[in-house]
Amino acid sequence: MAAFKAFWNSPVGPKTTHFWGPVANWGFVAAVCSERLLCPCFQDLLGAAAMCVYSALFMRFAWMVQPRNYLLLACHASNETVQLYQFSRWAKAQG
C-alpha cells in the first residue's frame, strides 16, 4: 500500500499531466500497429515523417524535463520505432 501511495503522490504519478500525456500518446503507437495490416501503398508518408520528427523532439524533452519522464520517453521511442518500420515497409514495396 505504501508503494501505491508513493506512486499516487509522486511528481509523475496519475495526478499529473506527466502521467496522462504519455498514456494518451500510446494511442499513436496502437494506431500505427493496427496499420501494419494495410497494404504499404496506402501509407501516409508525410504523416509518418511528421510523427518521426515529433517523437524525436519529445524523446529529448522527456529526457531533459525534471523529473525525467521515463513513461513519455518510452512512448515516443516506441512511436519512433513503429513509424520507421512503416517507412521500411513502404521502401520494400517500392523496390
N, C-alpha and C. Protein backbone atom coordinates (compact mmCIF):
# COMPACT_ATOMS: atom_id res chain seq x y z
N MET A 1 0.83 -1.20 0.00
CA MET A 1 0.00 0.00 0.00
C MET A 1 0.86 1.26 0.00
N ALA A 2 2.00 1.18 0.69
CA ALA A 2 2.89 2.35 0.75
C ALA A 2 3.47 2.67 -0.63
N ALA A 3 3.78 1.63 -1.41
CA ALA A 3 4.33 1.85 -2.76
C ALA A 3 3.29 2.51 -3.65
N PHE A 4 2.03 2.07 -3.54
CA PHE A 4 0.97 2.68 -4.34
C PHE A 4 0.77 4.14 -3.94
N LYS A 5 0.78 4.41 -2.66
CA LYS A 5 0.60 5.78 -2.18
C LYS A 5 1.75 6.68 -2.65
N ALA A 6 2.97 6.14 -2.64
CA ALA A 6 4.13 6.91 -3.12
C ALA A 6 3.98 7.20 -4.61
N PHE A 7 3.55 6.20 -5.39
CA PHE A 7 3.32 6.41 -6.83
C PHE A 7 2.20 7.43 -7.05
N TRP A 8 1.14 7.31 -6.31
CA TRP A 8 -0.02 8.19 -6.46
C TRP A 8 0.37 9.66 -6.22
N ASN A 9 1.22 9.90 -5.26
CA ASN A 9 1.60 11.25 -4.90
C ASN A 9 2.92 11.72 -5.53
N SER A 10 3.52 10.91 -6.38
CA SER A 10 4.81 11.28 -6.97
C SER A 10 4.62 12.39 -8.02
N PRO A 11 5.69 13.10 -8.37
CA PRO A 11 5.59 14.17 -9.35
C PRO A 11 5.28 13.69 -10.77
N VAL A 12 5.37 12.38 -11.01
CA VAL A 12 4.99 11.83 -12.32
C VAL A 12 3.86 10.81 -12.17
N GLY A 13 3.11 10.92 -11.10
CA GLY A 13 2.03 9.99 -10.82
C GLY A 13 0.75 10.35 -11.56
N PRO A 14 -0.31 9.59 -11.32
CA PRO A 14 -1.55 9.75 -12.07
C PRO A 14 -2.33 11.04 -11.76
N LYS A 15 -1.84 11.84 -10.85
CA LYS A 15 -2.49 13.13 -10.59
C LYS A 15 -1.87 14.25 -11.43
N THR A 16 -0.97 13.89 -12.37
CA THR A 16 -0.25 14.90 -13.14
C THR A 16 -0.36 14.65 -14.64
N THR A 17 -0.05 15.69 -15.40
CA THR A 17 0.00 15.52 -16.86
C THR A 17 1.23 14.74 -17.28
N HIS A 18 2.23 14.62 -16.40
CA HIS A 18 3.41 13.81 -16.70
C HIS A 18 3.05 12.34 -16.82
N PHE A 19 1.88 11.97 -16.32
CA PHE A 19 1.40 10.60 -16.44
C PHE A 19 0.39 10.47 -17.57
N TRP A 20 -0.62 11.32 -17.62
CA TRP A 20 -1.71 11.17 -18.57
C TRP A 20 -1.33 11.54 -20.00
N GLY A 21 -0.35 12.44 -20.17
CA GLY A 21 0.13 12.76 -21.51
C GLY A 21 0.71 11.54 -22.21
N PRO A 22 1.65 10.84 -21.57
CA PRO A 22 2.19 9.63 -22.19
C PRO A 22 1.14 8.53 -22.39
N VAL A 23 0.24 8.40 -21.43
CA VAL A 23 -0.80 7.37 -21.58
C VAL A 23 -1.62 7.64 -22.85
N ALA A 24 -1.97 8.90 -23.08
CA ALA A 24 -2.72 9.26 -24.29
C ALA A 24 -1.88 9.05 -25.54
N ASN A 25 -0.59 9.31 -25.47
CA ASN A 25 0.28 9.16 -26.64
C ASN A 25 0.48 7.71 -27.05
N TRP A 26 0.21 6.76 -26.17
CA TRP A 26 0.29 5.36 -26.58
C TRP A 26 -0.73 5.05 -27.66
N GLY A 27 -1.74 5.91 -27.80
CA GLY A 27 -2.71 5.74 -28.88
C GLY A 27 -2.08 5.84 -30.25
N PHE A 28 -1.06 6.69 -30.39
CA PHE A 28 -0.34 6.79 -31.66
C PHE A 28 0.33 5.47 -32.01
N VAL A 29 0.95 4.87 -31.03
CA VAL A 29 1.64 3.59 -31.25
C VAL A 29 0.63 2.51 -31.62
N ALA A 30 -0.48 2.48 -30.92
CA ALA A 30 -1.52 1.48 -31.21
C ALA A 30 -2.09 1.67 -32.61
N ALA A 31 -2.29 2.92 -33.01
CA ALA A 31 -2.84 3.19 -34.35
C ALA A 31 -1.90 2.72 -35.44
N VAL A 32 -0.62 2.99 -35.29
CA VAL A 32 0.33 2.57 -36.31
C VAL A 32 0.47 1.05 -36.33
N CYS A 33 0.42 0.43 -35.17
CA CYS A 33 0.47 -1.03 -35.14
C CYS A 33 -0.72 -1.65 -35.86
N SER A 34 -1.87 -1.02 -35.77
CA SER A 34 -3.04 -1.55 -36.48
C SER A 34 -2.93 -1.32 -37.98
N GLU A 35 -2.15 -0.31 -38.42
CA GLU A 35 -1.96 -0.04 -39.85
C GLU A 35 -1.03 -1.04 -40.51
N ARG A 36 -0.31 -1.83 -39.75
CA ARG A 36 0.62 -2.77 -40.34
C ARG A 36 -0.10 -3.83 -41.17
N LEU A 37 -1.39 -3.96 -40.98
CA LEU A 37 -2.17 -4.93 -41.75
C LEU A 37 -2.56 -4.39 -43.12
N LEU A 38 -2.44 -3.06 -43.31
CA LEU A 38 -2.79 -2.45 -44.59
C LEU A 38 -1.67 -2.63 -45.60
N CYS A 39 -2.03 -2.52 -46.85
CA CYS A 39 -1.05 -2.54 -47.92
C CYS A 39 -0.13 -1.32 -47.77
N PRO A 40 1.18 -1.49 -47.94
CA PRO A 40 2.10 -0.36 -47.80
C PRO A 40 1.82 0.78 -48.77
N CYS A 41 1.11 0.51 -49.85
CA CYS A 41 0.83 1.58 -50.83
C CYS A 41 -0.16 2.60 -50.26
N PHE A 42 -0.85 2.29 -49.18
CA PHE A 42 -1.80 3.21 -48.57
C PHE A 42 -1.19 4.03 -47.44
N GLN A 43 0.13 3.98 -47.29
CA GLN A 43 0.81 4.66 -46.20
C GLN A 43 0.76 6.17 -46.37
N ASP A 44 0.61 6.85 -45.27
CA ASP A 44 0.69 8.32 -45.25
C ASP A 44 2.12 8.68 -44.86
N LEU A 45 2.98 8.85 -45.87
CA LEU A 45 4.39 9.08 -45.60
C LEU A 45 4.65 10.44 -44.98
N LEU A 46 3.90 11.45 -45.40
CA LEU A 46 4.07 12.78 -44.81
C LEU A 46 3.69 12.76 -43.33
N GLY A 47 2.62 12.07 -43.01
CA GLY A 47 2.21 11.93 -41.61
C GLY A 47 3.23 11.14 -40.80
N ALA A 48 3.77 10.08 -41.39
CA ALA A 48 4.78 9.28 -40.70
C ALA A 48 6.05 10.10 -40.47
N ALA A 49 6.43 10.91 -41.45
CA ALA A 49 7.61 11.76 -41.29
C ALA A 49 7.38 12.78 -40.17
N ALA A 50 6.20 13.37 -40.15
CA ALA A 50 5.89 14.34 -39.10
C ALA A 50 5.92 13.68 -37.73
N MET A 51 5.40 12.47 -37.63
CA MET A 51 5.40 11.76 -36.34
C MET A 51 6.82 11.37 -35.92
N CYS A 52 7.70 11.07 -36.89
CA CYS A 52 9.09 10.77 -36.56
C CYS A 52 9.77 12.00 -35.96
N VAL A 53 9.56 13.16 -36.57
CA VAL A 53 10.16 14.39 -36.04
C VAL A 53 9.57 14.71 -34.67
N TYR A 54 8.25 14.61 -34.55
CA TYR A 54 7.56 14.87 -33.29
C TYR A 54 8.09 13.97 -32.17
N SER A 55 8.21 12.68 -32.46
CA SER A 55 8.67 11.75 -31.44
C SER A 55 10.12 11.98 -31.06
N ALA A 56 10.95 12.31 -32.05
CA ALA A 56 12.36 12.59 -31.75
C ALA A 56 12.49 13.81 -30.84
N LEU A 57 11.73 14.85 -31.13
CA LEU A 57 11.78 16.05 -30.30
C LEU A 57 11.29 15.78 -28.88
N PHE A 58 10.22 15.03 -28.76
CA PHE A 58 9.67 14.78 -27.44
C PHE A 58 10.44 13.72 -26.66
N MET A 59 11.21 12.87 -27.35
CA MET A 59 12.11 11.98 -26.61
C MET A 59 13.15 12.83 -25.88
N ARG A 60 13.68 13.84 -26.57
CA ARG A 60 14.65 14.73 -25.94
C ARG A 60 14.00 15.49 -24.78
N PHE A 61 12.78 15.99 -25.01
CA PHE A 61 12.06 16.70 -23.94
C PHE A 61 11.88 15.81 -22.71
N ALA A 62 11.45 14.57 -22.94
CA ALA A 62 11.20 13.65 -21.83
C ALA A 62 12.48 13.37 -21.05
N TRP A 63 13.62 13.40 -21.73
CA TRP A 63 14.89 13.17 -21.05
C TRP A 63 15.34 14.40 -20.27
N MET A 64 15.07 15.60 -20.81
CA MET A 64 15.58 16.83 -20.21
C MET A 64 14.69 17.38 -19.10
N VAL A 65 13.40 17.11 -19.14
CA VAL A 65 12.48 17.65 -18.13
C VAL A 65 12.81 17.06 -16.76
N GLN A 66 12.58 17.85 -15.73
CA GLN A 66 12.80 17.38 -14.37
C GLN A 66 11.48 17.30 -13.64
N PRO A 67 11.09 16.22 -13.04
CA PRO A 67 11.78 14.95 -13.03
C PRO A 67 11.69 14.27 -14.39
N ARG A 68 12.67 13.45 -14.71
CA ARG A 68 12.68 12.76 -16.00
C ARG A 68 11.41 11.93 -16.15
N ASN A 69 10.86 12.00 -17.34
CA ASN A 69 9.60 11.30 -17.60
C ASN A 69 9.90 10.07 -18.45
N TYR A 70 10.18 8.96 -17.80
CA TYR A 70 10.55 7.73 -18.50
C TYR A 70 9.37 7.13 -19.25
N LEU A 71 8.16 7.33 -18.76
CA LEU A 71 6.98 6.84 -19.46
C LEU A 71 6.82 7.56 -20.80
N LEU A 72 7.02 8.86 -20.82
CA LEU A 72 6.95 9.63 -22.07
C LEU A 72 8.09 9.24 -23.00
N LEU A 73 9.26 9.03 -22.46
CA LEU A 73 10.41 8.62 -23.27
C LEU A 73 10.13 7.27 -23.93
N ALA A 74 9.62 6.32 -23.19
CA ALA A 74 9.31 5.00 -23.75
C ALA A 74 8.23 5.09 -24.81
N CYS A 75 7.22 5.91 -24.56
CA CYS A 75 6.14 6.08 -25.53
C CYS A 75 6.66 6.62 -26.85
N HIS A 76 7.47 7.67 -26.80
CA HIS A 76 7.96 8.28 -28.02
C HIS A 76 9.03 7.42 -28.70
N ALA A 77 9.81 6.69 -27.94
CA ALA A 77 10.76 5.76 -28.56
C ALA A 77 10.01 4.66 -29.30
N SER A 78 8.93 4.18 -28.72
CA SER A 78 8.10 3.16 -29.39
C SER A 78 7.45 3.73 -30.64
N ASN A 79 6.96 4.97 -30.55
CA ASN A 79 6.34 5.59 -31.71
C ASN A 79 7.37 5.79 -32.83
N GLU A 80 8.56 6.22 -32.49
CA GLU A 80 9.63 6.39 -33.48
C GLU A 80 9.92 5.06 -34.17
N THR A 81 9.98 3.99 -33.39
CA THR A 81 10.27 2.67 -33.92
C THR A 81 9.20 2.20 -34.90
N VAL A 82 7.94 2.34 -34.53
CA VAL A 82 6.88 1.85 -35.42
C VAL A 82 6.75 2.74 -36.67
N GLN A 83 7.03 4.04 -36.54
CA GLN A 83 6.98 4.91 -37.72
C GLN A 83 8.10 4.54 -38.69
N LEU A 84 9.29 4.29 -38.17
CA LEU A 84 10.40 3.89 -39.04
C LEU A 84 10.13 2.52 -39.67
N TYR A 85 9.45 1.65 -38.95
CA TYR A 85 9.04 0.37 -39.52
C TYR A 85 8.08 0.59 -40.70
N GLN A 86 7.17 1.54 -40.55
CA GLN A 86 6.25 1.84 -41.65
C GLN A 86 7.03 2.34 -42.87
N PHE A 87 8.04 3.18 -42.65
CA PHE A 87 8.88 3.63 -43.76
C PHE A 87 9.59 2.45 -44.43
N SER A 88 10.08 1.51 -43.65
CA SER A 88 10.77 0.36 -44.23
C SER A 88 9.80 -0.50 -45.04
N ARG A 89 8.58 -0.65 -44.58
CA ARG A 89 7.58 -1.40 -45.35
C ARG A 89 7.30 -0.72 -46.68
N TRP A 90 7.18 0.60 -46.65
CA TRP A 90 6.93 1.34 -47.88
C TRP A 90 8.09 1.21 -48.85
N ALA A 91 9.33 1.31 -48.33
CA ALA A 91 10.52 1.21 -49.17
C ALA A 91 10.62 -0.18 -49.82
N LYS A 92 10.30 -1.23 -49.06
CA LYS A 92 10.33 -2.58 -49.61
C LYS A 92 9.27 -2.76 -50.69
N ALA A 93 8.11 -2.13 -50.52
CA ALA A 93 7.04 -2.24 -51.51
C ALA A 93 7.41 -1.50 -52.80
N GLN A 94 8.21 -0.44 -52.69
CA GLN A 94 8.63 0.33 -53.87
C GLN A 94 9.71 -0.41 -54.68
N GLY A 95 10.52 -1.22 -54.00
CA GLY A 95 11.68 -1.85 -54.64
C GLY A 95 11.39 -3.14 -55.24
